Amino acid sequence: MARFKVGVQLEPQHCSVADLRQAWRELDALGVDSIWTWDHFFPLHGDPDGAHFEGWTLLTAAACDTERAALGILVSCNSYRSPDLLADIARTADHVSGGRMILGIGAGWFDRDYEEYGFAFGTEATRVAALGEALPRLKARLAKLNPPPMGAMPICIGAEGERVMLRRVAEHADIWNGFTPVEKFAHKNGVLDGWCERVGRDPAAIERSVTLVSSEDPDRIEEIVAAGAQHLIQPLGAPFNLGPVERLLAQATAGG
């Protein structure tokens, strides 16, 4: 089995900031390759009105508390900030982290976020179209910012739509994030390869990451890597039990 990167997405819900800070410090000490959170304003499961914290603010705290892991939002919702503002936020966070930031972005989907915070929800088609318009603006603003990002700050697009979204990945992304189960990930990965061929992009230029959401994943890591995954991301909810991450790290080491 090929060596793979290990990432962790800490869910910023049903916990305290102190809980999150302890978790990402421990993860950084364990040697994970990346630490992520998400871009929502309310819990996605459990008590819908439970404790919850905003992702980009948390990420700057993680940048101060950690030393080696890459950091990112999996993924920022394009609808919540202008692409120019998002570029500036990410660039600033990148400097706080010493050049470890990944700029994650997606079209958005959680209707409660939109409705309660006053954003127009529209339709899936309008949100996807808006992302297509935003990506060139985002990249153009990054090129203009003074100072520029300190690190490479790759763009990670979370997407599974085969007709439009994976084409946007082929055109603009440095990292693509999909989801298990492995059969679905393998199929979407193949679709992305096809879009890369059509738009003239080297498929190898896009890192393939996958969020592990299937209960079968711990026993199918070798299959997931064989399907093309290079960066495996383990979601963790509070209380933050690091056992699944330690197991994944051991498998990554064995794979190398």
Protein backbone atom coordinates (compact mmCIF):
# COMPACT_ATOMS: atom_id res chain seq x y z
CA MET A 1 0.00 0.00 0.00
CA ALA A 2 1.32 3.44 -0.95
CA ARG A 3 2.09 6.01 1.72
CA PHE A 4 -0.77 8.47 2.27
CA LYS A 5 -1.31 11.68 4.17
CA VAL A 6 -3.48 11.71 7.30
CA GLY A 7 -5.83 14.60 8.02
CA VAL A 8 -8.41 15.23 10.73
CA GLN A 9 -11.55 17.35 10.56
CA LEU A 10 -12.52 18.59 14.02
CA GLU A 11 -16.26 19.30 14.17
CA PRO A 12 -16.69 22.68 15.93
CA GLN A 13 -19.97 21.69 17.58
CA HIS A 14 -21.12 20.44 20.99
CA CYS A 15 -17.78 21.37 22.56
CA SER A 16 -15.83 24.32 23.93
CA VAL A 17 -12.99 26.26 22.33
CA ALA A 18 -10.76 24.80 25.03
CA ASP A 19 -11.72 21.29 23.85
CA LEU A 20 -10.82 22.17 20.27
CA ARG A 21 -7.51 23.75 21.24
CA GLN A 22 -6.47 20.69 23.23
CA ALA A 23 -7.46 18.39 20.34
CA TRP A 24 -5.53 20.21 17.61
CA ARG A 25 -2.47 20.54 19.83
CA GLU A 26 -2.51 16.79 20.46
CA LEU A 27 -3.07 16.06 16.77
CA ASP A 28 -0.15 18.29 15.78
CA ALA A 29 2.06 16.47 18.30
CA LEU A 30 0.94 13.09 16.90
CA GLY A 31 2.21 14.16 13.49
CA VAL A 32 -0.96 14.40 11.38
CA ASP A 33 -0.45 16.04 8.00
CA SER A 34 -3.50 18.31 8.15
CA ILE A 35 -6.10 19.67 10.56
CA TRP A 36 -9.45 20.98 9.31
CA THR A 37 -12.74 22.30 10.57
CA TRP A 38 -15.93 23.24 8.68
CA ASP A 39 -17.75 26.39 7.57
CA HIS A 40 -21.20 26.26 9.16
CA PHE A 41 -23.04 28.32 11.74
CA PHE A 42 -25.10 25.61 13.44
CA PRO A 43 -24.51 21.96 14.36
CA LEU A 44 -24.96 19.49 11.52
CA HIS A 45 -26.07 16.69 13.83
CA GLY A 46 -27.07 16.22 17.43
CA ASP A 47 -28.88 19.10 19.15
CA PRO A 48 -29.51 21.59 16.30
CA ASP A 49 -29.23 24.46 18.78
CA GLY A 50 -26.17 23.14 20.60
CA ALA A 51 -22.85 24.91 21.00
CA HIS A 52 -21.13 25.85 17.75
CA PHE A 53 -18.20 28.06 16.64
CA GLU A 54 -17.21 29.83 13.41
CA GLY A 55 -14.55 28.10 11.35
CA TRP A 56 -12.14 30.77 10.10
CA THR A 57 -11.82 32.34 13.54
CA LEU A 58 -11.00 28.93 14.97
CA LEU A 59 -8.46 28.34 12.23
CA THR A 60 -6.41 31.38 13.20
CA ALA A 61 -6.31 30.08 16.78
CA ALA A 62 -5.17 26.70 15.48
CA ALA A 63 -2.47 28.46 13.48
CA CYS A 64 -1.11 29.94 16.71
CA ASP A 65 -1.40 26.69 18.70
CA THR A 66 0.22 24.32 16.19
CA GLU A 67 3.57 24.12 14.43
CA ARG A 68 3.65 21.58 11.61
CA ALA A 69 0.23 20.44 10.32
CA ALA A 70 -1.37 22.09 7.31
CA LEU A 71 -4.63 23.85 8.22
CA GLY A 72 -7.87 24.37 6.35
CA ILE A 73 -11.64 24.66 6.22
CA LEU A 74 -13.28 21.63 4.63
CA VAL A 75 -14.68 23.61 2.89
CA SER A 76 -15.53 27.33 2.95
CA CYS A 77 -18.93 28.18 1.51
CA ASN A 78 -18.60 30.50 -1.47
CA SER A 79 -21.92 32.17 -0.61
CA TYR A 80 -20.85 33.51 2.79
CA ARG A 81 -18.02 35.84 1.67
CA SER A 82 -17.05 37.58 -1.52
CA PRO A 83 -14.18 35.69 -3.22
CA ASP A 84 -11.94 38.74 -2.80
CA LEU A 85 -12.61 38.86 0.94
CA LEU A 86 -12.09 35.10 1.28
CA ALA A 87 -8.75 35.41 -0.49
CA ASP A 88 -7.67 38.10 1.97
CA ILE A 89 -8.88 36.14 5.00
CA ALA A 90 -7.05 33.02 3.86
CA ARG A 91 -3.87 34.93 2.99
CA THR A 92 -3.85 36.55 6.43
CA ALA A 93 -4.44 33.22 8.16
CA ASP A 94 -1.64 31.77 6.05
CA HIS A 95 0.78 34.36 7.46
CA VAL A 96 -0.42 33.65 11.00
CA SER A 97 0.32 29.96 10.42
CA GLY A 98 3.72 30.55 8.87
CA GLY A 99 2.61 29.34 5.44
CA ARG A 100 0.59 26.23 6.35
CA MET A 101 -2.86 27.21 5.10
CA ILE A 102 -4.99 25.35 2.53
CA LEU A 103 -7.78 27.39 0.96
CA GLY A 104 -10.82 25.12 0.85
CA ILE A 105 -13.93 26.20 -1.03
CA GLY A 106 -17.24 24.74 -2.21
CA ALA A 107 -20.65 25.79 -3.50
CA GLY A 108 -22.57 25.47 -0.19
CA TRP A 109 -25.57 23.35 0.75
CA PHE A 110 -26.81 23.83 4.36
CA ASP A 111 -30.07 25.76 4.06
CA ARG A 112 -30.28 26.78 7.73
CA ASP A 113 -26.97 28.68 7.49
CA TYR A 114 -28.36 30.68 4.57
CA GLU A 115 -31.78 31.35 6.01
CA GLU A 116 -30.77 32.44 9.50
CA TYR A 117 -27.78 34.52 8.39
CA GLY A 118 -29.61 36.24 5.53
CA PHE A 119 -27.90 34.72 2.49
CA ALA A 120 -29.92 33.90 -0.62
CA PHE A 121 -30.15 30.11 -0.82
CA GLY A 122 -31.21 29.95 -4.46
CA THR A 123 -30.87 26.55 -6.10
CA GLU A 124 -28.07 24.05 -6.44
CA ALA A 125 -27.59 25.25 -10.01
CA THR A 126 -27.29 28.93 -9.00
CA ARG A 127 -24.85 28.10 -6.19
CA VAL A 128 -22.69 26.03 -8.52
CA ALA A 129 -22.75 28.80 -11.13
CA ALA A 130 -21.76 31.35 -8.49
CA LEU A 131 -18.75 29.24 -7.52
CA GLY A 132 -17.69 29.06 -11.15
CA GLU A 133 -17.73 32.86 -11.31
CA ALA A 134 -15.96 33.22 -7.96
CA LEU A 135 -12.94 30.98 -8.58
CA PRO A 136 -11.21 33.23 -11.16
CA ARG A 137 -11.85 36.26 -8.90
CA LEU A 138 -10.42 34.41 -5.92
CA LYS A 139 -7.24 33.53 -7.81
CA ALA A 140 -6.93 37.04 -9.26
CA ARG A 141 -7.19 38.62 -5.79
CA LEU A 142 -4.59 36.22 -4.39
CA ALA A 143 -2.23 37.37 -7.15
CA LYS A 144 -2.76 41.04 -6.19
CA LEU A 145 -2.49 40.84 -2.40
CA ASN A 146 0.47 42.54 -0.74
CA PRO A 147 2.10 40.65 0.80
CA PRO A 148 1.14 37.45 -1.02
CA PRO A 149 0.52 34.20 0.86
CA MET A 150 3.59 33.04 2.74
CA GLY A 151 3.23 29.43 1.63
CA ALA A 152 1.93 27.68 -1.47
CA MET A 153 -1.66 27.88 -0.09
CA PRO A 154 -3.21 25.30 -2.43
CA ILE A 155 -6.87 25.60 -3.40
CA CYS A 156 -8.95 22.62 -2.28
CA ILE A 157 -12.40 22.22 -3.85
CA GLY A 158 -14.93 19.95 -2.20
CA ALA A 159 -17.16 18.64 -5.00
CA GLU A 160 -18.94 15.57 -6.34
CA GLY A 161 -21.18 16.92 -9.12
CA GLU A 162 -20.05 15.21 -12.30
CA ARG A 163 -21.30 17.61 -14.99
CA VAL A 164 -20.07 20.94 -13.62
CA MET A 165 -18.35 20.78 -10.22
CA LEU A 166 -15.69 18.22 -11.11
CA ARG A 167 -14.95 20.26 -14.21
CA ARG A 168 -14.30 23.27 -11.95
CA VAL A 169 -11.96 21.07 -9.92
CA ALA A 170 -10.09 20.11 -13.09
CA GLU A 171 -9.80 23.77 -14.08
CA HIS A 172 -8.89 25.39 -10.76
CA ALA A 173 -8.04 23.03 -7.89
CA ASP A 174 -4.75 21.89 -6.44
CA ILE A 175 -6.59 19.43 -4.18
CA TRP A 176 -9.92 17.67 -4.70
CA ASN A 177 -11.92 16.40 -1.72
CA GLY A 178 -14.50 13.65 -2.12
CA PHE A 179 -16.22 11.18 0.20
CA THR A 180 -16.37 7.46 0.83
CA PRO A 181 -17.62 4.75 0.46
CA VAL A 182 -14.72 3.67 -1.69
CA GLU A 183 -16.90 2.68 -4.66
CA LYS A 184 -18.30 6.21 -4.93
CA PHE A 185 -14.91 7.81 -4.45
CA ALA A 186 -13.34 5.63 -7.15
CA HIS A 187 -16.08 6.54 -9.63
CA LYS A 188 -15.84 10.30 -8.95
CA ASN A 189 -12.06 10.09 -9.16
CA GLY A 190 -12.37 8.59 -12.62
CA VAL A 191 -14.78 11.32 -13.68
CA LEU A 192 -12.28 13.95 -12.52
CA ASP A 193 -9.54 12.27 -14.54
CA GLY A 194 -11.81 12.53 -17.57
CA TRP A 195 -12.41 16.23 -17.01
CA CYS A 196 -8.68 16.81 -16.62
CA GLU A 197 -8.13 15.23 -20.04
CA ARG A 198 -10.86 17.41 -21.59
CA VAL A 199 -9.59 20.71 -20.16
CA GLY A 200 -5.93 19.93 -20.77
CA ARG A 201 -4.85 19.49 -17.15
CA ASP A 202 -2.43 16.87 -15.91
CA PRO A 203 -4.47 14.68 -13.50
CA ALA A 204 -1.34 14.26 -11.37
CA ALA A 205 -1.39 18.00 -10.65
CA ILE A 206 -4.46 17.57 -8.42
CA GLU A 207 -4.02 15.85 -5.05
CA ARG A 208 -6.89 13.47 -4.27
CA SER A 209 -8.24 13.69 -0.73
CA VAL A 210 -11.19 11.83 0.74
CA THR A 211 -13.26 12.36 3.89
CA LEU A 212 -13.89 9.04 5.63
CA VAL A 213 -17.63 8.96 6.31
CA SER A 214 -18.48 5.27 5.86
CA SER A 215 -18.56 2.90 8.83
CA GLU A 216 -16.65 0.36 6.70
CA ASP A 217 -13.69 2.69 6.08
CA PRO A 218 -11.36 1.50 8.88
CA ASP A 219 -11.27 -1.97 7.30
CA ARG A 220 -10.99 -0.70 3.72
CA ILE A 221 -8.06 1.72 3.89
CA GLU A 222 -5.98 -0.27 1.42
CA GLU A 223 -8.87 -0.22 -1.08
CA ILE A 224 -9.36 3.52 -0.62
CA VAL A 225 -5.69 4.19 -1.32
CA ALA A 226 -5.76 1.85 -4.30
CA ALA A 227 -8.73 3.83 -5.65
CA GLY A 228 -6.50 6.91 -5.85
CA ALA A 229 -6.80 8.58 -2.45
CA GLN A 230 -3.58 10.32 -1.41
CA HIS A 231 -4.87 12.21 1.64
CA LEU A 232 -7.33 10.52 4.01
CA ILE A 233 -9.28 12.81 6.34
CA GLN A 234 -10.87 11.44 9.51
CA PRO A 235 -13.79 13.45 10.95
CA LEU A 236 -13.85 13.73 14.74
CA GLY A 237 -16.72 14.93 16.87
CA ALA A 238 -16.62 15.84 20.55
CA PRO A 239 -15.48 14.34 22.81
CA PHE A 240 -12.39 14.12 20.62
CA ASN A 241 -11.22 10.51 20.85
CA LEU A 242 -7.95 10.31 18.90
CA GLY A 243 -7.95 6.51 18.66
CA PRO A 244 -9.15 6.36 15.02
CA VAL A 245 -6.46 8.88 14.06
CA GLU A 246 -3.70 6.88 15.76
CA ARG A 247 -4.86 3.79 13.88
CA LEU A 248 -4.84 5.67 10.58
CA LEU A 249 -1.36 7.04 11.26
CA ALA A 250 -0.11 3.51 11.96
CA GLN A 251 -1.59 2.30 8.65
CA ALA A 252 0.01 5.23 6.81
CA THR A 253 3.40 4.39 8.28
CA ALA A 254 3.01 0.72 7.42
CA GLY A 255 2.05 1.72 3.88
CA GLY A 256 5.29 3.62 3.47
